[in-house]
Amino acid sequence: MIVRLVKMTFRPGEEERFQALFDGWRHRIIAMPGCRTLELLRDIKHPAVFFTRSVWDTEEALDNYRRSATFSEVWPVVKALFAARAEAWSLHTGHLMHASDT
């Protein structure tokens, strides 16, 4: 499994537009082959900073999404709203625990 984190910082006033765009695209992203979860997170202290967290079966599945028509439509529109360059990490899960696991 691959966990993909993407940090996005938006220009002031673009946060609501991004959330509306994400709402419209999220169903297409999660429907991509190999995408297991998709989550949108917002920084508590910096409301213009968002993260997406997605889980993919393989790096190949993530790369296929990044070459897809969906990504080609989504990314340029979102990128135009940025105040700073996006940052992204692809990670392997080390440990995952839940409170009920103790």
Protein backbone atom coordinates (compact mmCIF):
# COMPACT_ATOMS: atom_id res chain seq x y z
CA MET A 1 0.00 0.00 0.00
CA ILE A 2 1.10 3.54 -0.79
CA VAL A 3 -0.06 6.54 1.23
CA ARG A 4 0.07 9.79 -0.71
CA LEU A 5 0.04 13.09 1.17
CA VAL A 6 -0.26 16.34 -0.75
CA LYS A 7 -0.01 19.71 1.01
CA MET A 8 -1.69 22.62 -0.76
CA THR A 9 -1.63 26.26 0.32
CA PHE A 10 -4.29 28.42 -1.32
CA ARG A 11 -4.48 32.14 -1.92
CA PRO A 12 -6.75 33.92 0.58
CA GLY A 13 -10.36 33.63 -0.52
CA GLU A 14 -9.83 30.53 -2.68
CA GLU A 15 -10.48 27.99 0.09
CA GLU A 16 -14.23 27.73 -0.53
CA ARG A 17 -13.72 27.40 -4.28
CA PHE A 18 -11.23 24.58 -3.74
CA GLN A 19 -13.61 22.73 -1.41
CA ALA A 20 -16.42 23.01 -3.98
CA LEU A 21 -14.12 21.72 -6.72
CA PHE A 22 -12.93 18.86 -4.52
CA ASP A 23 -16.55 17.89 -3.76
CA GLY A 24 -17.20 17.68 -7.49
CA TRP A 25 -14.11 15.58 -8.29
CA ARG A 26 -13.70 13.34 -5.26
CA HIS A 27 -16.02 10.62 -6.57
CA ARG A 28 -14.00 10.36 -9.78
CA ILE A 29 -10.71 10.16 -7.87
CA ILE A 30 -11.86 7.45 -5.44
CA ALA A 31 -13.23 5.48 -8.42
CA MET A 32 -9.76 5.21 -9.96
CA PRO A 33 -8.46 1.63 -10.02
CA GLY A 34 -6.30 0.99 -6.97
CA CYS A 35 -7.51 3.97 -4.90
CA ARG A 36 -8.63 2.68 -1.48
CA THR A 37 -9.26 5.88 0.47
CA LEU A 38 -9.35 9.61 -0.16
CA GLU A 39 -9.42 12.17 2.62
CA LEU A 40 -9.36 15.97 2.67
CA LEU A 41 -7.79 17.59 5.73
CA ARG A 42 -7.59 21.26 6.70
CA ASP A 43 -4.96 22.81 8.95
CA ILE A 44 -6.45 23.99 12.25
CA LYS A 45 -4.26 27.10 12.59
CA HIS A 46 -3.81 27.92 8.91
CA PRO A 47 -7.19 27.59 7.15
CA ALA A 48 -5.69 28.18 3.69
CA VAL A 49 -3.62 24.98 4.04
CA PHE A 50 -5.19 21.68 3.01
CA PHE A 51 -3.85 18.17 2.70
CA THR A 52 -5.17 15.25 0.73
CA ARG A 53 -4.41 11.79 2.02
CA SER A 54 -5.03 8.93 -0.34
CA VAL A 55 -4.20 5.24 -0.10
CA TRP A 56 -3.31 3.30 -3.22
CA ASP A 57 -2.78 -0.42 -3.81
CA THR A 58 0.52 0.18 -5.59
CA GLU A 59 2.78 2.94 -6.81
CA GLU A 60 1.74 1.93 -10.33
CA ALA A 61 -1.93 2.63 -9.48
CA LEU A 62 -0.97 6.09 -8.15
CA ASP A 63 1.11 6.77 -11.26
CA ASN A 64 -1.79 5.67 -13.48
CA TYR A 65 -4.02 8.20 -11.72
CA ARG A 66 -1.41 10.91 -12.20
CA ARG A 67 -1.42 10.15 -15.96
CA SER A 68 -5.23 9.96 -16.17
CA ALA A 69 -7.73 12.29 -17.82
CA THR A 70 -9.19 12.98 -14.36
CA PHE A 71 -5.85 14.23 -13.00
CA SER A 72 -5.25 16.22 -16.20
CA GLU A 73 -8.55 18.00 -15.59
CA VAL A 74 -8.23 18.45 -11.82
CA TRP A 75 -4.62 19.50 -11.29
CA PRO A 76 -4.35 22.60 -13.55
CA VAL A 77 -7.54 24.10 -12.09
CA VAL A 78 -6.46 23.49 -8.48
CA LYS A 79 -2.87 24.58 -9.14
CA ALA A 80 -4.11 27.97 -10.38
CA LEU A 81 -5.51 28.64 -6.87
CA PHE A 82 -2.21 28.05 -5.02
CA ALA A 83 -0.37 30.67 -2.99
CA ALA A 84 2.68 28.37 -2.77
CA ARG A 85 3.95 25.33 -4.59
CA ALA A 86 2.32 22.06 -3.52
CA GLU A 87 4.36 19.52 -1.58
CA ALA A 88 3.79 15.78 -1.92
CA TRP A 89 5.03 12.59 -0.29
CA SER A 90 4.51 8.93 -1.19
CA LEU A 91 4.89 6.74 1.89
CA HIS A 92 4.67 3.15 3.03
CA THR A 93 2.66 2.52 6.20
CA GLY A 94 4.88 1.41 9.11
CA HIS A 95 2.30 0.78 11.84
CA LEU A 96 -1.39 1.50 12.06
CA MET A 97 -3.10 1.24 15.42
CA HIS A 98 -6.57 2.06 16.70
CA ALA A 99 -7.52 2.76 20.30
CA SER A 100 -9.37 -0.56 20.33
CA ASP A 101 -6.06 -2.36 19.53
CA THR A 102 -4.60 -1.68 22.99
